[in-house]
Amino acid sequence: MDWGYYKPKPAKAAKGGIKAQSKRGTFGENWWAKRWIAVLEGFDIGARLQRGRSYARQGQVLSIEISKGEITAEVQGSRPKPYDIKIKIKTLSEKDWLKLAAALSQQAIFAAKLLAGEMPDEIEGAFTEAGVSLFPTRLADLQTNCSCPDWSNPCKHIAAVYYLIGEEFDRDPFLIFKLRGASREEFSDLLGSAGGRRSKPELVVDSPAEPLAAETESFWTGSALPDDFFGEVLVPPLPAALPRRLGNFPFWRGQERFLEAMNPVYSEAARRGLNTFIGINQSDGSDSE
């Protein structure tokens, strides 16, 4: 709602703020993050969107806290004291969550992807079939407030928080569920309960295991390792595999993306590790044997 014109003033520089990963263009990489941004851009708030993107990229957002049905944040604007942001999102009832878990548990692909931390492409359809929505669909589903003097709602400070939340959904899509009223753990428990407990498969043994040979000499001294004991030793095709699996830090404040900074470190460590394994001197490249 626009209550009148507010002449924007230059924001004071913020130190240690949360900076958007997007340097230009659109925000969000996955469909669920883009869907969240589309909700904001559907409010038709004009130039405030552009200023909100600038605030998000400049690091003007100082903090963001996400709890069930609510987002609180601080944004540095033109005044010395940062502005307080509060965004409330309508949560789903316990009955709705139970109905949704029952619907999703009927399709194994949904359960598998959700438990693996991935948001299935068709999940919005499952929400619709359960009579609920994953994302806010009406302005009434959202209540936003900012302590700035701009009476327009959402203002550029709220818009900046929206954009950063969208990027955070890329890192952890279950934050969408949390905003709708259920944490990842709670939803996983509901999904497991709705799917029922499957009986453990019986262990089938084709033949009894052969006992180890009672050779005390080889037991204590060991024996020669086969030539192919280590298999083929190669530099990993994908650097920083473990950090990639763990994902980015929440609301990253650095100048460079964490994974992009770690890639060359892991690549060099892998090269040096391989050289050490095959006996190449690291300093001059000669064989160390």
C-alpha atoms as a PDB file:
ATOM      1  CA  MET A   1       0.000   0.000   0.000  1.00  0.00           C
ATOM      2  CA  ASP A   2       1.370   3.427  -0.991  1.00  0.00           C
ATOM      3  CA  TRP A   3       0.568   6.267   1.433  1.00  0.00           C
ATOM      4  CA  GLY A   4       2.485   8.952  -0.370  1.00  0.00           C
ATOM      5  CA  TYR A   5       5.813   9.887  -1.907  1.00  0.00           C
ATOM      6  CA  TYR A   6       8.948   9.499   0.161  1.00  0.00           C
ATOM      7  CA  LYS A   7      12.123  11.007  -1.254  1.00  0.00           C
ATOM      8  CA  PRO A   8      14.887   8.399  -0.837  1.00  0.00           C
ATOM      9  CA  LYS A   9      18.161   9.407   0.798  1.00  0.00           C
ATOM     10  CA  PRO A  10      21.576   7.758   0.360  1.00  0.00           C
ATOM     11  CA  ALA A  11      22.089   4.873   2.778  1.00  0.00           C
ATOM     12  CA  LYS A  12      24.934   4.950   5.281  1.00  0.00           C
ATOM     13  CA  ALA A  13      27.656   2.432   4.512  1.00  0.00           C
ATOM     14  CA  ALA A  14      27.249  -0.776   6.504  1.00  0.00           C
ATOM     15  CA  LYS A  15      30.123  -2.918   7.770  1.00  0.00           C
ATOM     16  CA  GLY A  16      29.919  -6.694   7.923  1.00  0.00           C
ATOM     17  CA  GLY A  17      26.482  -6.867   6.314  1.00  0.00           C
ATOM     18  CA  ILE A  18      24.994  -9.828   4.466  1.00  0.00           C
ATOM     19  CA  LYS A  19      25.832  -9.554   0.774  1.00  0.00           C
ATOM     20  CA  ALA A  20      23.822 -11.171  -1.982  1.00  0.00           C
ATOM     21  CA  GLN A  21      25.562 -13.878  -3.994  1.00  0.00           C
ATOM     22  CA  SER A  22      23.962 -12.474  -7.140  1.00  0.00           C
ATOM     23  CA  LYS A  23      26.057  -9.652  -8.588  1.00  0.00           C
ATOM     24  CA  ARG A  24      23.709  -8.824 -11.440  1.00  0.00           C
ATOM     25  CA  GLY A  25      20.526 -10.058 -13.057  1.00  0.00           C
ATOM     26  CA  THR A  26      17.999 -12.243 -11.253  1.00  0.00           C
ATOM     27  CA  PHE A  27      18.163 -13.572  -7.705  1.00  0.00           C
ATOM     28  CA  GLY A  28      17.912 -17.258  -6.860  1.00  0.00           C
ATOM     29  CA  GLU A  29      19.075 -20.297  -8.833  1.00  0.00           C
ATOM     30  CA  ASN A  30      16.500 -23.018  -8.084  1.00  0.00           C
ATOM     31  CA  TRP A  31      12.833 -22.850  -8.979  1.00  0.00           C
ATOM     32  CA  TRP A  32      11.687 -22.555  -5.373  1.00  0.00           C
ATOM     33  CA  ALA A  33      13.925 -19.524  -4.750  1.00  0.00           C
ATOM     34  CA  LYS A  34      12.719 -17.850  -7.946  1.00  0.00           C
ATOM     35  CA  ARG A  35       9.132 -18.602  -6.982  1.00  0.00           C
ATOM     36  CA  TRP A  36       9.614 -16.724  -3.695  1.00  0.00           C
ATOM     37  CA  ILE A  37      11.101 -13.721  -5.518  1.00  0.00           C
ATOM     38  CA  ALA A  38       8.144 -13.771  -7.918  1.00  0.00           C
ATOM     39  CA  VAL A  39       5.815 -13.281  -4.931  1.00  0.00           C
ATOM     40  CA  LEU A  40       7.673 -10.089  -3.988  1.00  0.00           C
ATOM     41  CA  GLU A  41       7.830  -8.772  -7.540  1.00  0.00           C
ATOM     42  CA  GLY A  42       4.100  -9.405  -7.908  1.00  0.00           C
ATOM     43  CA  PHE A  43       3.444  -6.623  -5.383  1.00  0.00           C
ATOM     44  CA  ASP A  44       4.193  -4.025  -8.070  1.00  0.00           C
ATOM     45  CA  ILE A  45       6.213  -1.647  -5.888  1.00  0.00           C
ATOM     46  CA  GLY A  46       8.104  -0.074  -8.779  1.00  0.00           C
ATOM     47  CA  ALA A  47      11.510   1.517  -8.196  1.00  0.00           C
ATOM     48  CA  ARG A  48      11.681   0.181  -4.638  1.00  0.00           C
ATOM     49  CA  LEU A  49      12.461  -3.231  -6.089  1.00  0.00           C
ATOM     50  CA  GLN A  50      15.570  -1.881  -7.804  1.00  0.00           C
ATOM     51  CA  ARG A  51      16.714  -0.114  -4.641  1.00  0.00           C
ATOM     52  CA  GLY A  52      15.989  -3.263  -2.657  1.00  0.00           C
ATOM     53  CA  ARG A  53      18.241  -5.276  -4.982  1.00  0.00           C
ATOM     54  CA  SER A  54      20.982  -2.660  -4.564  1.00  0.00           C
ATOM     55  CA  TYR A  55      20.680  -2.805  -0.768  1.00  0.00           C
ATOM     56  CA  ALA A  56      20.932  -6.608  -0.849  1.00  0.00           C
ATOM     57  CA  ARG A  57      24.055  -6.518  -3.030  1.00  0.00           C
ATOM     58  CA  GLN A  58      25.738  -3.703  -1.083  1.00  0.00           C
ATOM     59  CA  GLY A  59      25.452  -5.524   2.252  1.00  0.00           C
ATOM     60  CA  GLN A  60      23.005  -3.083   3.869  1.00  0.00           C
ATOM     61  CA  VAL A  61      21.130  -5.936   5.573  1.00  0.00           C
ATOM     62  CA  LEU A  62      22.880  -6.458   8.908  1.00  0.00           C
ATOM     63  CA  SER A  63      21.043  -9.491  10.254  1.00  0.00           C
ATOM     64  CA  ILE A  64      18.229 -11.922   9.433  1.00  0.00           C
ATOM     65  CA  GLU A  65      16.520 -14.388  11.778  1.00  0.00           C
ATOM     66  CA  ILE A  66      14.029 -16.969  10.520  1.00  0.00           C
ATOM     67  CA  SER A  67      11.525 -18.624  12.847  1.00  0.00           C
ATOM     68  CA  LYS A  68       8.180 -20.331  12.284  1.00  0.00           C
ATOM     69  CA  GLY A  69       5.970 -17.918  10.436  1.00  0.00           C
ATOM     70  CA  GLU A  70       8.217 -14.917  10.999  1.00  0.00           C
ATOM     71  CA  ILE A  71      11.330 -13.160   9.688  1.00  0.00           C
ATOM     72  CA  THR A  72      13.062 -10.429  11.677  1.00  0.00           C
ATOM     73  CA  ALA A  73      15.919  -8.366  10.267  1.00  0.00           C
ATOM     74  CA  GLU A  74      17.950  -5.188  10.627  1.00  0.00           C
ATOM     75  CA  VAL A  75      18.754  -3.004   7.634  1.00  0.00           C
ATOM     76  CA  GLN A  76      21.099  -0.022   7.594  1.00  0.00           C
ATOM     77  CA  GLY A  77      19.411   2.892   5.876  1.00  0.00           C
ATOM     78  CA  SER A  78      20.044   6.611   5.775  1.00  0.00           C
ATOM     79  CA  ARG A  79      19.677   7.111   9.533  1.00  0.00           C
ATOM     80  CA  PRO A  80      22.320   6.172  12.142  1.00  0.00           C
ATOM     81  CA  LYS A  81      20.105   3.539  13.773  1.00  0.00           C
ATOM     82  CA  PRO A  82      19.342   0.510  11.579  1.00  0.00           C
ATOM     83  CA  TYR A  83      15.711  -0.095  10.677  1.00  0.00           C
ATOM     84  CA  ASP A  84      13.842  -3.023  12.228  1.00  0.00           C
ATOM     85  CA  ILE A  85      12.072  -5.345   9.785  1.00  0.00           C
ATOM     86  CA  LYS A  86       9.379  -7.855  10.600  1.00  0.00           C
ATOM     87  CA  ILE A  87       7.712 -10.128   8.052  1.00  0.00           C
ATOM     88  CA  LYS A  88       4.950 -12.470   9.202  1.00  0.00           C
ATOM     89  CA  ILE A  89       3.748 -15.325   7.017  1.00  0.00           C
ATOM     90  CA  LYS A  90       0.548 -17.255   7.586  1.00  0.00           C
ATOM     91  CA  THR A  91       1.406 -20.733   8.861  1.00  0.00           C
ATOM     92  CA  LEU A  92      -0.420 -23.954   8.055  1.00  0.00           C
ATOM     93  CA  SER A  93      -2.410 -25.715  10.728  1.00  0.00           C
ATOM     94  CA  GLU A  94      -1.393 -29.065  12.207  1.00  0.00           C
ATOM     95  CA  LYS A  95      -4.312 -30.638  10.364  1.00  0.00           C
ATOM     96  CA  ASP A  96      -3.014 -29.209   7.070  1.00  0.00           C
ATOM     97  CA  TRP A  97       0.490 -30.567   7.688  1.00  0.00           C
ATOM     98  CA  LEU A  98      -0.868 -34.042   8.472  1.00  0.00           C
ATOM     99  CA  LYS A  99      -2.977 -33.983   5.301  1.00  0.00           C
ATOM    100  CA  LEU A 100       0.017 -32.832   3.265  1.00  0.00           C
ATOM    101  CA  ALA A 101       2.367 -35.478   4.715  1.00  0.00           C
ATOM    102  CA  ALA A 102      -0.192 -38.177   3.911  1.00  0.00           C
ATOM    103  CA  ALA A 103      -0.435 -36.967   0.308  1.00  0.00           C
ATOM    104  CA  LEU A 104       3.333 -36.729  -0.196  1.00  0.00           C
ATOM    105  CA  SER A 105       4.036 -40.121   1.393  1.00  0.00           C
ATOM    106  CA  GLN A 106       1.981 -41.802  -1.343  1.00  0.00           C
ATOM    107  CA  GLN A 107       4.681 -40.977  -3.900  1.00  0.00           C
ATOM    108  CA  ALA A 108       8.093 -42.432  -3.146  1.00  0.00           C
ATOM    109  CA  ILE A 109       9.919 -39.886  -5.332  1.00  0.00           C
ATOM    110  CA  PHE A 110       8.566 -37.012  -3.222  1.00  0.00           C
ATOM    111  CA  ALA A 111       9.616 -38.634   0.025  1.00  0.00           C
ATOM    112  CA  ALA A 112      13.060 -39.572  -1.319  1.00  0.00           C
ATOM    113  CA  LYS A 113      13.829 -36.087  -2.625  1.00  0.00           C
ATOM    114  CA  LEU A 114      12.522 -34.289   0.451  1.00  0.00           C
ATOM    115  CA  LEU A 115      14.477 -36.499   2.832  1.00  0.00           C
ATOM    116  CA  ALA A 116      17.573 -35.848   0.673  1.00  0.00           C
ATOM    117  CA  GLY A 117      17.082 -32.085   1.081  1.00  0.00           C
ATOM    118  CA  GLU A 118      15.779 -31.428  -2.438  1.00  0.00           C
ATOM    119  CA  MET A 119      12.512 -29.729  -3.343  1.00  0.00           C
ATOM    120  CA  PRO A 120      10.628 -31.824  -5.964  1.00  0.00           C
ATOM    121  CA  ASP A 121       9.470 -29.909  -9.031  1.00  0.00           C
ATOM    122  CA  GLU A 122       5.876 -31.069  -8.686  1.00  0.00           C
ATOM    123  CA  ILE A 123       5.490 -30.402  -4.965  1.00  0.00           C
ATOM    124  CA  GLU A 124       3.345 -27.301  -5.460  1.00  0.00           C
ATOM    125  CA  GLY A 125       0.778 -29.546  -7.130  1.00  0.00           C
ATOM    126  CA  ALA A 126       0.799 -31.831  -4.103  1.00  0.00           C
ATOM    127  CA  PHE A 127       0.187 -28.831  -1.851  1.00  0.00           C
ATOM    128  CA  THR A 128      -2.733 -27.770  -4.053  1.00  0.00           C
ATOM    129  CA  GLU A 129      -4.264 -31.262  -3.936  1.00  0.00           C
ATOM    130  CA  ALA A 130      -4.050 -31.094  -0.132  1.00  0.00           C
ATOM    131  CA  GLY A 131      -5.928 -27.788  -0.239  1.00  0.00           C
ATOM    132  CA  VAL A 132      -2.979 -25.629   0.908  1.00  0.00           C
ATOM    133  CA  SER A 133      -0.211 -23.591  -0.745  1.00  0.00           C
ATOM    134  CA  LEU A 134       3.562 -23.795  -0.368  1.00  0.00           C
ATOM    135  CA  PHE A 135       4.095 -20.090  -1.015  1.00  0.00           C
ATOM    136  CA  PRO A 136       1.946 -17.123   0.017  1.00  0.00           C
ATOM    137  CA  THR A 137      -0.695 -16.583  -2.648  1.00  0.00           C
ATOM    138  CA  ARG A 138      -2.419 -13.443  -1.375  1.00  0.00           C
ATOM    139  CA  LEU A 139      -1.262 -10.211   0.143  1.00  0.00           C
ATOM    140  CA  ALA A 140      -3.261 -11.195   3.228  1.00  0.00           C
ATOM    141  CA  ASP A 141      -0.894 -14.153   3.731  1.00  0.00           C
ATOM    142  CA  LEU A 142       1.906 -11.664   4.490  1.00  0.00           C
ATOM    143  CA  GLN A 143       2.266  -8.917   7.067  1.00  0.00           C
ATOM    144  CA  THR A 144       5.308  -6.692   6.641  1.00  0.00           C
ATOM    145  CA  ASN A 145       6.534  -3.826   8.756  1.00  0.00           C
ATOM    146  CA  CYS A 146       9.613  -1.571   8.705  1.00  0.00           C
ATOM    147  CA  SER A 147      10.559   1.185  11.160  1.00  0.00           C
ATOM    148  CA  CYS A 148      11.741   3.453   8.320  1.00  0.00           C
ATOM    149  CA  PRO A 149       9.856   6.706   7.492  1.00  0.00           C
ATOM    150  CA  ASP A 150       8.718   5.393   4.091  1.00  0.00           C
ATOM    151  CA  TRP A 151       5.018   4.636   4.400  1.00  0.00           C
ATOM    152  CA  SER A 152       5.015   2.393   1.343  1.00  0.00           C
ATOM    153  CA  ASN A 153       4.788  -1.264   2.262  1.00  0.00           C
ATOM    154  CA  PRO A 154       6.836  -3.156   1.215  1.00  0.00           C
ATOM    155  CA  CYS A 155       9.628  -0.572   1.210  1.00  0.00           C
ATOM    156  CA  LYS A 156      13.125  -1.024  -0.229  1.00  0.00           C
ATOM    157  CA  HIS A 157      14.421  -2.327   3.130  1.00  0.00           C
ATOM    158  CA  ILE A 158      11.812  -5.081   3.200  1.00  0.00           C
ATOM    159  CA  ALA A 159      12.535  -5.813  -0.472  1.00  0.00           C
ATOM    160  CA  ALA A 160      16.254  -6.262   0.301  1.00  0.00           C
ATOM    161  CA  VAL A 161      15.432  -8.837   2.988  1.00  0.00           C
ATOM    162  CA  TYR A 162      13.094 -10.637   0.576  1.00  0.00           C
ATOM    163  CA  TYR A 163      15.854 -11.002  -2.010  1.00  0.00           C
ATOM    164  CA  LEU A 164      18.342 -12.380   0.515  1.00  0.00           C
ATOM    165  CA  ILE A 165      15.748 -14.836   1.835  1.00  0.00           C
ATOM    166  CA  GLY A 166      15.246 -16.034  -1.732  1.00  0.00           C
ATOM    167  CA  GLU A 167      18.962 -16.781  -2.044  1.00  0.00           C
ATOM    168  CA  GLU A 168      18.892 -18.533   1.315  1.00  0.00           C
ATOM    169  CA  PHE A 169      16.170 -20.831  -0.011  1.00  0.00           C
ATOM    170  CA  ASP A 170      18.719 -22.024  -2.584  1.00  0.00           C
ATOM    171  CA  ARG A 171      20.914 -23.218   0.289  1.00  0.00           C
ATOM    172  CA  ASP A 172      18.127 -24.713   2.400  1.00  0.00           C
ATOM    173  CA  PRO A 173      14.714 -25.199   0.730  1.00  0.00           C
ATOM    174  CA  PHE A 174      13.264 -26.448   4.020  1.00  0.00           C
ATOM    175  CA  LEU A 175      13.269 -22.870   5.260  1.00  0.00           C
ATOM    176  CA  ILE A 176      10.108 -22.452   3.185  1.00  0.00           C
ATOM    177  CA  PHE A 177       8.483 -25.180   5.280  1.00  0.00           C
ATOM    178  CA  LYS A 178       9.726 -23.513   8.464  1.00  0.00           C
ATOM    179  CA  LEU A 179       8.106 -20.234   7.475  1.00  0.00           C
ATOM    180  CA  ARG A 180       4.868 -22.127   6.868  1.00  0.00           C
ATOM    181  CA  GLY A 181       5.042 -23.635  10.373  1.00  0.00           C
ATOM    182  CA  ALA A 182       7.085 -26.872  10.359  1.00  0.00           C
ATOM    183  CA  SER A 183      10.834 -27.376  10.736  1.00  0.00           C
ATOM    184  CA  ARG A 184      12.721 -29.878   8.598  1.00  0.00           C
ATOM    185  CA  GLU A 185      12.881 -32.366  11.476  1.00  0.00           C
ATOM    186  CA  GLU A 186       9.193 -32.042  12.263  1.00  0.00           C
ATOM    187  CA  PHE A 187       8.171 -32.472   8.648  1.00  0.00           C
ATOM    188  CA  SER A 188      10.475 -35.485   8.199  1.00  0.00           C
ATOM    189  CA  ASP A 189       8.860 -37.100  11.251  1.00  0.00           C
ATOM    190  CA  LEU A 190       5.392 -36.411   9.840  1.00  0.00           C
ATOM    191  CA  LEU A 191       6.416 -37.827   6.470  1.00  0.00           C
ATOM    192  CA  GLY A 192       7.818 -40.955   8.103  1.00  0.00           C
ATOM    193  CA  SER A 193       4.726 -41.464  10.238  1.00  0.00           C
ATOM    194  CA  ALA A 194       2.387 -40.998   7.288  1.00  0.00           C
ATOM    195  CA  GLY A 195       4.366 -43.477   5.217  1.00  0.00           C
ATOM    196  CA  GLY A 196       4.134 -46.131   7.916  1.00  0.00           C
ATOM    197  CA  ARG A 197       6.880 -48.230   9.345  1.00  0.00           C
ATOM    198  CA  ARG A 198       8.271 -50.712   6.891  1.00  0.00           C
ATOM    199  CA  SER A 199       9.436 -54.034   8.219  1.00  0.00           C
ATOM    200  CA  LYS A 200      13.131 -54.663   8.019  1.00  0.00           C
ATOM    201  CA  PRO A 201      14.125 -57.065   5.233  1.00  0.00           C
ATOM    202  CA  GLU A 202      15.317 -60.455   6.362  1.00  0.00           C
ATOM    203  CA  LEU A 203      18.988 -61.145   5.927  1.00  0.00           C
ATOM    204  CA  VAL A 204      19.493 -63.892   3.383  1.00  0.00           C
ATOM    205  CA  VAL A 205      22.748 -65.830   3.610  1.00  0.00           C
ATOM    206  CA  ASP A 206      23.584 -67.873   0.533  1.00  0.00           C
ATOM    207  CA  SER A 207      26.324 -69.846   2.199  1.00  0.00           C
ATOM    208  CA  PRO A 208      28.020 -69.918   5.603  1.00  0.00           C
ATOM    209  CA  ALA A 209      31.063 -67.713   5.920  1.00  0.00           C
ATOM    210  CA  GLU A 210      34.414 -69.473   5.810  1.00  0.00           C
ATOM    211  CA  PRO A 211      36.476 -69.209   8.996  1.00  0.00           C
ATOM    212  CA  LEU A 212      39.818 -67.406   8.869  1.00  0.00           C
ATOM    213  CA  ALA A 213      42.870 -69.587   8.548  1.00  0.00           C
ATOM    214  CA  ALA A 214      44.636 -70.100  11.864  1.00  0.00           C
ATOM    215  CA  GLU A 215      48.084 -68.872  10.732  1.00  0.00           C
ATOM    216  CA  THR A 216      49.635 -67.020  13.631  1.00  0.00           C
ATOM    217  CA  GLU A 217      52.657 -65.818  11.630  1.00  0.00           C
ATOM    218  CA  SER A 218      50.632 -64.028   8.949  1.00  0.00           C
ATOM    219  CA  PHE A 219      48.254 -62.685  11.609  1.00  0.00           C
ATOM    220  CA  TRP A 220      51.007 -60.882  13.516  1.00  0.00           C
ATOM    221  CA  THR A 221      53.350 -59.929  10.679  1.00  0.00           C
ATOM    222  CA  GLY A 222      50.865 -59.482   7.864  1.00  0.00           C
ATOM    223  CA  SER A 223      51.425 -60.345   4.253  1.00  0.00           C
ATOM    224  CA  ALA A 224      52.410 -58.456   1.121  1.00  0.00           C
ATOM    225  CA  LEU A 225      49.727 -56.178  -0.280  1.00  0.00           C
ATOM    226  CA  PRO A 226      48.561 -56.922  -3.818  1.00  0.00           C
ATOM    227  CA  ASP A 227      49.713 -54.519  -6.524  1.00  0.00           C
ATOM    228  CA  ASP A 228      46.175 -53.217  -7.109  1.00  0.00           C
ATOM    229  CA  PHE A 229      45.318 -52.831  -3.408  1.00  0.00           C
ATOM    230  CA  PHE A 230      44.698 -49.054  -3.733  1.00  0.00           C
ATOM    231  CA  GLY A 231      42.977 -49.321  -7.085  1.00  0.00           C
ATOM    232  CA  GLU A 232      43.356 -46.466  -9.570  1.00  0.00           C
ATOM    233  CA  VAL A 233      44.539 -43.317  -7.778  1.00  0.00           C
ATOM    234  CA  LEU A 234      43.401 -40.115  -9.491  1.00  0.00           C
ATOM    235  CA  VAL A 235      42.741 -36.496  -8.657  1.00  0.00           C
ATOM    236  CA  PRO A 236      39.002 -36.182  -7.839  1.00  0.00           C
ATOM    237  CA  PRO A 237      37.072 -34.954 -10.899  1.00  0.00           C
ATOM    238  CA  LEU A 238      35.035 -32.551  -8.713  1.00  0.00           C
ATOM    239  CA  PRO A 239      37.032 -30.389  -6.286  1.00  0.00           C
ATOM    240  CA  ALA A 240      35.769 -29.652  -2.761  1.00  0.00           C
ATOM    241  CA  ALA A 241      33.212 -32.484  -2.885  1.00  0.00           C
ATOM    242  CA  LEU A 242      32.616 -32.489   0.885  1.00  0.00           C
ATOM    243  CA  PRO A 243      32.069 -28.707   1.229  1.00  0.00           C
ATOM    244  CA  ARG A 244      29.750 -28.890  -1.769  1.00  0.00           C
ATOM    245  CA  ARG A 245      27.728 -31.582  -0.019  1.00  0.00           C
ATOM    246  CA  LEU A 246      27.591 -29.547   3.184  1.00  0.00           C
ATOM    247  CA  GLY A 247      26.561 -26.427   1.266  1.00  0.00           C
ATOM    248  CA  ASN A 248      27.234 -22.743   1.762  1.00  0.00           C
ATOM    249  CA  PHE A 249      27.190 -20.948   5.080  1.00  0.00           C
ATOM    250  CA  PRO A 250      23.855 -19.315   5.940  1.00  0.00           C
ATOM    251  CA  PHE A 251      23.702 -15.622   5.012  1.00  0.00           C
ATOM    252  CA  TRP A 252      27.318 -15.405   3.838  1.00  0.00           C
ATOM    253  CA  ARG A 253      29.032 -12.077   4.545  1.00  0.00           C
ATOM    254  CA  GLY A 254      32.301 -12.573   2.662  1.00  0.00           C
ATOM    255  CA  GLN A 255      33.442 -10.783  -0.470  1.00  0.00           C
ATOM    256  CA  GLU A 256      33.776 -14.073  -2.375  1.00  0.00           C
ATOM    257  CA  ARG A 257      31.552 -17.121  -2.439  1.00  0.00           C
ATOM    258  CA  PHE A 258      32.799 -19.765  -0.025  1.00  0.00           C
ATOM    259  CA  LEU A 259      32.803 -22.681  -2.482  1.00  0.00           C
ATOM    260  CA  GLU A 260      34.481 -20.594  -5.186  1.00  0.00           C
ATOM    261  CA  ALA A 261      37.240 -19.698  -2.711  1.00  0.00           C
ATOM    262  CA  MET A 262      37.683 -23.334  -1.642  1.00  0.00           C
ATOM    263  CA  ASN A 263      37.841 -24.868  -5.140  1.00  0.00           C
ATOM    264  CA  PRO A 264      41.473 -23.868  -5.908  1.00  0.00           C
ATOM    265  CA  VAL A 265      42.560 -24.882  -2.390  1.00  0.00           C
ATOM    266  CA  TYR A 266      41.127 -28.387  -2.767  1.00  0.00           C
ATOM    267  CA  SER A 267      42.447 -28.720  -6.330  1.00  0.00           C
ATOM    268  CA  GLU A 268      45.991 -27.874  -5.234  1.00  0.00           C
ATOM    269  CA  ALA A 269      45.741 -30.154  -2.186  1.00  0.00           C
ATOM    270  CA  ALA A 270      44.595 -33.036  -4.417  1.00  0.00           C
ATOM    271  CA  ARG A 271      47.503 -32.478  -6.810  1.00  0.00           C
ATOM    272  CA  ARG A 272      50.034 -32.394  -3.988  1.00  0.00           C
ATOM    273  CA  GLY A 273      48.482 -35.459  -2.362  1.00  0.00           C
ATOM    274  CA  LEU A 274      48.750 -37.441  -5.595  1.00  0.00           C
ATOM    275  CA  ASN A 275      52.381 -36.371  -6.071  1.00  0.00           C
ATOM    276  CA  THR A 276      53.212 -37.425  -2.508  1.00  0.00           C
ATOM    277  CA  PHE A 277      51.531 -40.782  -3.040  1.00  0.00           C
ATOM    278  CA  ILE A 278      53.473 -41.586  -6.192  1.00  0.00           C
ATOM    279  CA  GLY A 279      56.734 -40.197  -4.729  1.00  0.00           C
ATOM    280  CA  ILE A 280      57.250 -36.925  -6.604  1.00  0.00           C
ATOM    281  CA  ASN A 281      59.180 -34.217  -4.772  1.00  0.00           C
ATOM    282  CA  GLN A 282      56.883 -31.209  -4.362  1.00  0.00           C
ATOM    283  CA  SER A 283      59.640 -28.600  -4.605  1.00  0.00           C
ATOM    284  CA  ASP A 284      61.321 -29.501  -7.884  1.00  0.00           C
ATOM    285  CA  GLY A 285      59.016 -32.117  -9.368  1.00  0.00           C
ATOM    286  CA  SER A 286      61.671 -34.859  -9.216  1.00  0.00           C
ATOM    287  CA  ASP A 287      61.096 -38.402  -7.993  1.00  0.00           C
ATOM    288  CA  SER A 288      61.740 -38.532  -4.226  1.00  0.00           C
ATOM    289  CA  GLU A 289      62.858 -42.154  -4.203  1.00  0.00           C
END
